[in-house]
Protein backbone atom coordinates (compact mmCIF):
# COMPACT_ATOMS: atom_id res chain seq x y z
CA MET A 1 127.51 85.60 83.59
CA CYS A 2 127.11 88.69 85.80
CA LEU A 3 125.60 92.06 84.80
CA ASP A 4 125.80 95.66 85.93
CA VAL A 5 122.35 96.28 87.45
CA ALA A 6 122.41 99.96 86.35
CA THR A 7 123.25 99.38 82.65
CA GLY A 8 122.75 95.70 81.94
CA LYS A 9 126.38 95.53 80.72
CA GLU A 10 128.11 92.18 81.08
CA LEU A 11 130.81 92.35 83.72
CA CYS A 12 132.09 88.72 83.76
CA GLN A 13 131.39 85.34 82.28
CA ASN A 14 132.74 81.90 83.10
CA LYS A 15 133.02 80.05 79.80
CA ASN A 16 134.03 76.82 81.60
CA ALA A 17 130.82 76.68 83.67
CA ALA A 18 127.70 75.13 82.25
CA VAL A 19 125.30 77.84 81.07
CA ALA A 20 122.65 75.70 79.39
CA ILE A 21 119.99 74.00 81.51
CA THR A 22 120.87 70.36 82.14
CA GLY A 23 118.40 67.53 82.64
CA PRO A 24 115.00 66.98 81.06
CA ALA A 25 112.97 69.93 79.75
CA SER A 26 109.30 70.61 80.02
CA SER A 27 107.41 71.67 76.88
CA GLN A 28 104.85 73.68 78.90
CA HIS A 29 107.14 75.43 81.39
CA PRO A 30 110.75 75.33 80.12
CA GLY A 31 113.77 76.73 81.90
CA PRO A 32 114.96 76.90 85.52
CA ARG A 33 112.44 76.80 88.34
CA SER A 34 114.64 77.62 91.35
CA THR A 35 116.33 80.84 92.45
CA PRO A 36 120.14 80.76 92.94
CA ALA A 37 121.25 81.08 96.58
CA ILE A 38 123.90 83.75 97.29
CA GLY A 39 125.94 83.80 100.48
CA GLU A 40 129.44 83.58 101.98
CA GLY A 41 130.99 84.60 98.62
CA ARG A 42 129.29 81.77 96.74
CA ILE A 43 126.41 81.35 94.27
CA VAL A 44 124.68 77.95 94.30
CA THR A 45 122.31 76.91 91.52
CA LEU A 46 120.05 73.85 91.23
CA GLY A 47 119.02 72.90 87.69
CA ILE A 48 115.72 71.23 86.78
CA GLY A 49 117.61 67.98 86.26
CA GLY A 50 119.06 67.93 89.79
CA VAL A 51 122.54 69.28 88.94
CA LEU A 52 123.93 71.31 91.84
CA SER A 53 126.62 73.91 91.01
CA CYS A 54 128.62 76.21 93.27
CA LEU A 55 130.29 79.29 91.75
CA GLU A 56 132.53 82.01 93.09
CA ALA A 57 130.40 85.14 93.35
CA LYS A 58 133.10 87.60 92.24
CA THR A 59 134.29 85.80 89.13
CA GLY A 60 131.61 83.22 88.20
CA ASN A 61 134.27 80.48 88.29
CA MET A 62 133.02 76.98 89.01
CA ILE A 63 134.14 75.77 92.47
CA TRP A 64 132.35 72.40 92.49
CA ARG A 65 129.50 70.58 90.89
CA ASN A 66 127.41 67.53 91.86
CA GLU A 67 125.52 65.35 89.44
CA GLU A 68 124.95 62.30 91.71
CA PHE A 69 121.22 62.92 92.17
CA THR A 70 120.00 63.31 88.60
CA LYS A 71 118.35 59.92 88.01
CA ASP A 72 115.41 60.18 90.38
CA LEU A 73 113.45 63.48 90.04
CA PRO A 74 110.02 64.90 91.01
CA GLY A 75 107.28 64.65 88.44
CA PHE A 76 107.70 68.30 87.35
CA PHE A 77 111.46 68.20 87.85
CA THR A 78 113.55 69.96 90.46
CA SER A 79 112.08 73.33 91.46
CA LEU A 80 113.20 74.19 95.03
CA SER A 81 115.95 76.69 95.77
CA PRO A 82 119.09 75.80 97.76
CA LEU A 83 119.70 77.12 101.29
CA ILE A 84 123.12 78.48 102.37
CA VAL A 85 123.70 78.29 106.12
CA HIS A 86 126.76 77.85 108.40
CA GLY A 87 129.19 77.18 105.53
CA MET A 88 126.85 74.61 103.99
CA CYS A 89 124.49 74.32 101.08
CA VAL A 90 121.34 72.41 102.07
CA VAL A 91 119.02 70.85 99.42
CA HIS A 92 116.30 68.23 99.28
CA LEU A 93 116.95 65.90 96.33
CA GLY A 94 115.22 62.83 95.08
CA GLY A 95 112.02 61.61 93.40
CA LYS A 96 108.31 61.52 94.04
CA GLU A 97 108.36 58.96 96.91
CA ARG A 98 111.84 59.04 98.35
CA GLY A 99 114.47 61.70 98.86
CA GLN A 100 117.39 62.91 100.87
CA ILE A 101 118.00 66.22 102.63
CA ILE A 102 121.71 66.82 102.17
CA ALA A 103 124.16 69.37 103.49
CA PHE A 104 127.16 69.98 101.22
CA ASP A 105 130.26 71.75 102.34
CA LEU A 106 130.21 75.12 100.62
CA LYS A 107 133.93 75.16 99.97
CA SER A 108 134.54 71.55 98.81
CA GLY A 109 131.12 70.17 97.82
CA LYS A 110 131.61 67.16 100.12
CA GLN A 111 128.62 65.86 102.08
CA LYS A 112 128.54 66.87 105.75
CA TRP A 113 125.32 64.96 106.55
CA GLN A 114 122.41 63.29 104.83
CA THR A 115 118.88 62.60 106.15
CA ALA A 116 116.47 60.23 104.50
CA SER A 117 112.95 61.65 103.87
CA ASP A 118 109.95 61.35 101.63
CA GLY A 119 110.23 63.06 98.24
CA PRO A 120 111.01 66.78 97.80
CA SER A 121 108.19 69.18 97.04
CA TYR A 122 108.44 72.27 94.85
CA ALA A 123 108.91 74.50 97.93
CA SER A 124 112.26 75.73 99.28
CA PRO A 125 113.77 75.14 102.75
CA LEU A 126 114.33 78.08 105.12
CA MET A 127 115.54 78.82 108.64
CA MET A 128 113.73 79.58 111.90
CA THR A 129 114.70 79.76 115.60
CA VAL A 130 112.69 78.26 118.45
CA LYS A 131 113.86 78.85 122.05
CA GLY A 132 117.36 79.69 120.81
CA LYS A 133 117.59 76.57 118.63
CA LYS A 134 118.11 77.18 114.93
CA GLN A 135 116.21 74.83 112.65
CA ILE A 136 115.85 74.10 108.97
CA VAL A 137 112.18 74.06 108.00
CA ASP A 138 111.34 71.97 104.97
CA LEU A 139 107.98 71.34 103.31
CA THR A 140 108.38 67.92 101.68
CA ALA A 141 105.97 66.14 99.33
CA LYS A 142 103.95 64.93 102.36
CA ASN A 143 105.20 66.59 105.54
CA LEU A 144 106.39 69.78 107.16
CA ILE A 145 109.58 69.01 109.10
CA GLY A 146 112.21 70.65 111.27
CA ILE A 147 115.89 69.62 110.87
CA ASP A 148 118.89 70.31 113.08
CA PRO A 149 121.42 72.14 110.79
CA GLU A 150 124.33 70.77 112.79
CA ASN A 151 123.74 67.08 112.08
CA GLY A 152 120.59 66.62 110.02
CA LYS A 153 118.61 65.18 112.93
CA LEU A 154 114.82 65.29 112.62
CA LEU A 155 113.48 67.64 115.38
CA TRP A 156 109.73 67.54 114.62
CA GLN A 157 107.25 66.56 111.93
CA PHE A 158 103.74 67.64 110.89
CA ALA A 159 101.80 65.73 108.25
CA VAL A 160 100.71 67.77 105.20
CA PRO A 161 98.92 65.25 102.96
CA VAL A 162 97.84 66.34 99.49
CA GLU A 163 94.69 65.29 97.66
CA ASN A 164 93.17 65.39 94.17
CA ARG A 165 96.58 65.30 92.41
CA PHE A 166 97.68 68.60 93.98
CA TYR A 167 101.23 69.32 95.16
CA ASN A 168 103.11 71.10 97.94
CA SER A 169 104.61 73.96 95.96
CA ALA A 170 104.49 77.16 98.11
CA SER A 171 107.37 77.70 100.47
CA PRO A 172 106.50 78.05 104.17
CA VAL A 173 106.30 81.48 105.76
CA ILE A 174 107.91 82.00 109.20
CA ASP A 175 106.25 84.24 111.83
CA GLY A 176 108.22 83.92 115.04
CA GLN A 177 107.61 80.36 116.32
CA THR A 178 104.77 79.84 113.82
CA VAL A 179 105.10 78.28 110.36
CA ILE A 180 102.39 79.21 107.83
CA ILE A 181 101.77 76.67 105.08
CA THR A 182 99.43 77.01 102.09
CA GLY A 183 98.57 74.98 99.05
CA GLN A 184 96.05 74.33 96.29
CA GLY A 185 92.93 72.65 97.62
CA GLN A 186 94.37 72.75 101.18
CA GLY A 187 93.69 76.30 102.28
CA THR A 188 96.17 77.91 104.67
CA LYS A 189 97.32 76.65 108.08
CA ALA A 190 99.39 78.07 110.94
CA VAL A 191 101.53 75.52 112.80
CA LYS A 192 103.23 76.58 116.03
CA ILE A 193 106.55 74.96 116.98
CA GLN A 194 107.04 74.58 120.71
CA LYS A 195 109.68 73.03 122.92
CA GLN A 196 108.57 70.37 125.39
CA GLY A 197 111.45 69.20 127.56
CA ASP A 198 114.25 68.19 125.24
CA THR A 199 112.01 67.78 122.19
CA PHE A 200 110.01 69.98 119.86
CA VAL A 201 106.36 69.53 118.81
CA ALA A 202 104.29 71.04 116.01
CA GLN A 203 100.63 71.92 116.58
CA GLU A 204 98.07 73.49 114.30
CA VAL A 205 96.63 76.74 115.74
CA TRP A 206 94.30 77.83 112.94
CA LYS A 207 93.19 77.00 109.42
CA ASN A 208 91.60 79.09 106.63
CA ALA A 209 89.96 76.54 104.26
CA GLU A 210 88.79 79.33 101.93
CA LEU A 211 92.17 80.55 100.71
CA GLY A 212 95.25 78.64 99.51
CA THR A 213 97.88 79.35 96.89
CA LYS A 214 99.02 77.15 94.03
CA TRP A 215 102.49 78.07 92.77
CA ASN A 216 103.35 81.20 94.79
CA THR A 217 104.55 81.94 98.29
CA PRO A 218 102.64 84.70 100.16
CA VAL A 219 104.33 87.75 101.74
CA LEU A 220 104.03 88.44 105.46
CA LYS A 221 103.84 92.18 106.23
CA ASP A 222 102.73 93.92 109.43
CA GLY A 223 100.75 90.97 110.72
CA PHE A 224 98.97 90.22 107.46
CA LEU A 225 99.60 87.67 104.70
CA TYR A 226 99.34 88.77 101.08
CA GLY A 227 99.17 86.20 98.28
CA LEU A 228 97.76 85.03 94.96
CA SER A 229 95.08 82.38 95.57
CA ASP A 230 94.47 79.16 93.67
CA GLY A 231 91.26 80.97 92.61
CA ARG A 232 93.50 83.39 90.68
CA LYS A 233 92.82 86.40 92.93
CA LEU A 234 95.00 88.53 95.19
CA PHE A 235 94.09 88.23 98.86
CA CYS A 236 94.95 89.49 102.38
CA MET A 237 94.72 87.31 105.56
CA ASN A 238 95.18 88.07 109.26
CA VAL A 239 98.03 85.82 110.49
CA SER A 240 96.89 85.98 114.12
CA THR A 241 93.49 84.46 113.43
CA GLY A 242 93.61 83.14 109.90
CA GLN A 243 90.56 85.23 108.96
CA THR A 244 90.25 86.63 105.38
CA ALA A 245 90.68 90.41 105.33
CA TRP A 246 89.83 90.86 101.62
CA ILE A 247 89.90 89.19 98.17
CA ASP A 248 90.21 91.31 95.02
CA THR A 249 87.85 90.93 92.07
CA LYS A 250 90.29 90.52 89.18
CA LEU A 251 91.36 87.23 87.63
CA HIS A 252 95.11 86.80 87.41
CA ASN A 253 96.82 83.37 87.00
CA ASP A 254 97.79 80.30 89.03
CA PHE A 255 101.51 81.05 88.50
CA GLY A 256 102.82 84.25 90.03
CA THR A 257 105.08 85.91 92.58
CA ILE A 258 104.49 88.52 95.33
CA VAL A 259 107.35 90.83 96.34
CA ASP A 260 107.52 93.22 99.33
CA ALA A 261 108.73 96.58 97.94
CA GLY A 262 108.41 98.57 101.15
CA SER A 263 105.53 101.05 100.74
CA VAL A 264 103.95 98.84 98.04
CA LEU A 265 103.61 95.21 97.09
CA ILE A 266 104.36 93.92 93.61
CA ALA A 267 102.63 90.93 92.04
CA LEU A 268 103.84 89.38 88.81
CA PRO A 269 101.50 86.66 87.48
CA GLN A 270 102.30 84.43 84.54
CA THR A 271 100.27 86.88 82.38
CA SER A 272 103.28 89.27 82.56
CA ASN A 273 101.08 92.03 83.91
CA LEU A 274 102.98 93.48 86.84
CA VAL A 275 100.52 94.70 89.52
CA VAL A 276 101.49 97.35 92.06
CA TYR A 277 99.19 97.71 95.08
CA LYS A 278 99.08 98.95 98.66
CA PRO A 279 99.77 96.62 101.62
CA ASP A 280 96.46 97.61 103.28
CA GLU A 281 94.50 95.09 105.37
CA LYS A 282 91.28 97.10 105.03
CA ALA A 283 90.80 96.92 101.25
CA TYR A 284 92.51 96.12 97.97
CA THR A 285 93.88 99.33 96.47
CA GLU A 286 95.61 98.97 93.08
CA ILE A 287 98.16 101.60 92.11
CA ALA A 288 99.17 100.44 88.61
CA THR A 289 99.22 97.48 86.19
CA ILE A 290 102.13 97.38 83.77
CA LYS A 291 102.75 94.93 80.91
CA VAL A 292 106.39 93.92 81.36
CA ALA A 293 106.87 91.06 78.83
CA GLU A 294 105.37 89.52 75.74
CA THR A 295 105.91 85.92 76.86
CA PRO A 296 104.95 84.22 80.20
CA THR A 297 106.90 85.08 83.36
CA TYR A 298 107.60 82.58 86.16
CA SER A 299 110.62 84.13 87.99
CA TYR A 300 110.60 86.71 90.78
CA PRO A 301 111.10 90.29 89.56
CA ILE A 302 114.31 91.81 91.01
CA LEU A 303 114.06 95.23 92.62
CA SER A 304 117.03 97.57 92.87
CA ASN A 305 116.23 101.16 93.95
CA ASN A 306 113.92 102.45 91.18
CA ARG A 307 114.75 99.61 88.80
CA ILE A 308 112.76 96.43 88.19
CA ILE A 309 114.41 93.48 86.38
CA VAL A 310 112.11 90.93 84.81
CA LYS A 311 113.00 87.54 83.24
CA ASP A 312 110.47 86.04 80.81
CA LYS A 313 110.82 82.98 78.60
CA GLU A 314 113.13 84.61 76.09
CA SER A 315 114.69 87.77 77.50
CA LEU A 316 115.84 89.84 80.47
CA VAL A 317 114.32 93.31 80.75
CA MET A 318 115.10 96.19 83.05
CA MET A 319 112.61 99.02 83.65
CA VAL A 320 113.25 102.33 85.41
CA ILE A 321 110.39 103.68 87.53
CA LYS A 322 110.21 107.49 87.61
């Protein structure tokens, strides 16, 4: 299904494509956990049960679908988002201990390469470039790794062990040649990727043990990192030094999203209270708090000009900001 962002009117629907969520459901947090990837005229979705689907963006018609990796899943089911790059869809599939990073041809769905790894985390892969070399950065269940998008070759690896039954669930943040990783009970680290001869190495440059996130990925803006901590508070951190700039005093929720909206930042915790605040490294300045749903929210709010689209457990709502 596709909608007109101005009116919410349905423009097209593919009745032959699977609309319902496939795979096991969770009673506490039902519904999809990943964001569809859009690129090169395609939309790729990854269901909580490991079903990968590729649709034509203009019509919603199914191009291909893969259900080969639905038997072995992470403990809280599949949550990462696919990555579209160089005519491929790259995903990390598998269970708690073992997985595969796989590149599927975007047109046919056939595998172009496959790399064995430890299990997938609940974070999504993304791209970075080091000394002219493009790399896929993936935070797995136990490691931060760099992969060559041309052949799936492992370029570098940095151990990210988890303790006390916590999980890697925040996607990495790229700042030039530095990868910033954060997690519950782990704080936040900056890892610099450097080239040494024909190889690449990853080295930690700073760590902030005070602040880490649980289920949200921070936003990098003007040299500062803005996020929602595992202590349920909004925070700001200097990415050059790792020092804490400020922590707000309000309690929010472990689940939440942070979105860069230009002159402001928007946070949407599970409480469904959308928070608008200034991206200011000197102090936390709240502009507004708006109740946007009656049931919990887990998905990113979508911004389009002066419109905000919010998906909660039961409905899709569009608000116009005047």
